[in-house]
Amino acid sequence: MSRRVLHVVSNVAYYDDRSHPTGLWLSELTHAFDVFAEKSYEQRIVSPKGGSSPLEPRALKWPLLDASEGVAGEQEPHGASVGDGAA
């Protein structure tokens, strides 16, 4: 059986209103992804609603600058179960 990890990322772009943006801290996902990749885990990235995951605006400012527009191509977690992942 292959070792698998299911990364679930947010679809939430705002806290309580549009003046309070939020999103994924990309470094949190990429760090975990790299650690599991080094150990040859099969990995999937999903979001609760499917589609893209907005990036946290504060994470895009220097010195944390990342030129990414967002994490695209996430899948909805249909068919994913706790037993599908190893971590």
Protein backbone atom coordinates (compact mmCIF):
# COMPACT_ATOMS: atom_id res chain seq x y z
CA MET A 1 0.00 0.00 0.00
CA SER A 2 1.36 3.39 -0.95
CA ARG A 3 1.72 6.07 1.68
CA ARG A 4 -0.57 8.98 0.96
CA VAL A 5 -1.22 12.46 2.33
CA LEU A 6 -4.31 14.57 1.71
CA HIS A 7 -3.61 18.30 2.09
CA VAL A 8 -6.83 20.27 2.71
CA VAL A 9 -6.46 24.00 1.96
CA SER A 10 -8.89 26.85 2.57
CA ASN A 11 -11.35 28.44 0.17
CA VAL A 12 -11.92 31.34 2.58
CA ALA A 13 -10.80 34.71 1.20
CA TYR A 14 -12.16 36.98 3.97
CA TYR A 15 -12.73 36.83 7.70
CA ASP A 16 -15.92 38.68 8.63
CA ASP A 17 -16.01 41.06 5.64
CA ARG A 18 -14.02 42.10 2.57
CA SER A 19 -11.92 44.53 4.59
CA HIS A 20 -10.33 41.56 6.41
CA PRO A 21 -8.75 39.35 3.70
CA THR A 22 -7.19 36.02 4.54
CA GLY A 23 -6.11 32.87 2.77
CA LEU A 24 -3.51 30.15 2.58
CA TRP A 25 0.03 30.81 3.83
CA LEU A 26 1.69 29.12 0.87
CA SER A 27 4.88 28.35 2.79
CA GLU A 28 2.90 26.17 5.22
CA LEU A 29 1.69 24.00 2.36
CA THR A 30 4.96 23.91 0.43
CA HIS A 31 7.04 23.03 3.48
CA ALA A 32 4.81 20.06 4.33
CA PHE A 33 4.63 19.05 0.66
CA ASP A 34 8.44 19.03 0.39
CA VAL A 35 8.87 16.98 3.58
CA PHE A 36 6.41 14.32 2.39
CA ALA A 37 7.81 14.36 -1.16
CA GLU A 38 11.29 13.56 0.18
CA LYS A 39 9.78 10.45 1.78
CA SER A 40 7.99 9.47 -1.46
CA TYR A 41 4.45 10.01 -0.23
CA GLU A 42 1.69 10.28 -2.80
CA GLN A 43 0.04 13.67 -2.22
CA ARG A 44 -3.25 15.33 -3.15
CA ILE A 45 -4.33 18.90 -2.54
CA VAL A 46 -8.04 19.52 -2.06
CA SER A 47 -10.23 22.34 -0.80
CA PRO A 48 -13.71 22.05 0.72
CA LYS A 49 -15.40 23.75 -2.24
CA GLY A 50 -12.91 22.70 -4.93
CA GLY A 51 -11.27 25.29 -7.15
CA SER A 52 -8.56 27.73 -6.21
CA SER A 53 -7.39 28.70 -2.76
CA PRO A 54 -6.77 32.40 -2.12
CA LEU A 55 -3.37 33.31 -0.72
CA GLU A 56 -2.95 35.24 2.53
CA PRO A 57 -2.10 38.85 1.50
CA ARG A 58 0.28 39.29 4.45
CA ALA A 59 2.30 36.31 3.20
CA LEU A 60 2.87 38.08 -0.10
CA LYS A 61 4.75 41.04 1.38
CA TRP A 62 8.49 41.31 1.72
CA PRO A 63 10.34 39.47 3.23
CA LEU A 64 7.78 36.69 2.69
CA LEU A 65 7.18 37.68 -0.93
CA ASP A 66 5.84 34.99 -3.18
CA ALA A 67 4.74 35.96 -6.70
CA SER A 68 2.06 33.26 -6.86
CA GLU A 69 -1.50 34.21 -7.72
CA GLY A 70 -3.05 31.34 -5.78
CA VAL A 71 -3.02 27.60 -5.60
CA ALA A 72 -4.94 26.47 -8.65
CA GLY A 73 -6.43 23.16 -9.55
CA GLU A 74 -7.37 21.87 -6.14
CA GLN A 75 -9.98 19.18 -6.17
CA GLU A 76 -13.07 18.87 -4.07
CA PRO A 77 -12.57 16.22 -1.41
CA HIS A 78 -15.24 13.92 -2.89
CA GLY A 79 -14.35 10.35 -2.20
CA ALA A 80 -11.53 11.29 0.13
CA SER A 81 -11.72 9.62 3.52
CA VAL A 82 -9.60 9.55 6.63
CA GLY A 83 -8.33 6.12 5.57
CA ASP A 84 -6.96 7.60 2.33
CA GLY A 85 -4.15 9.50 4.07
CA ALA A 86 -1.18 8.49 6.12
CA ALA A 87 -0.78 11.75 8.02
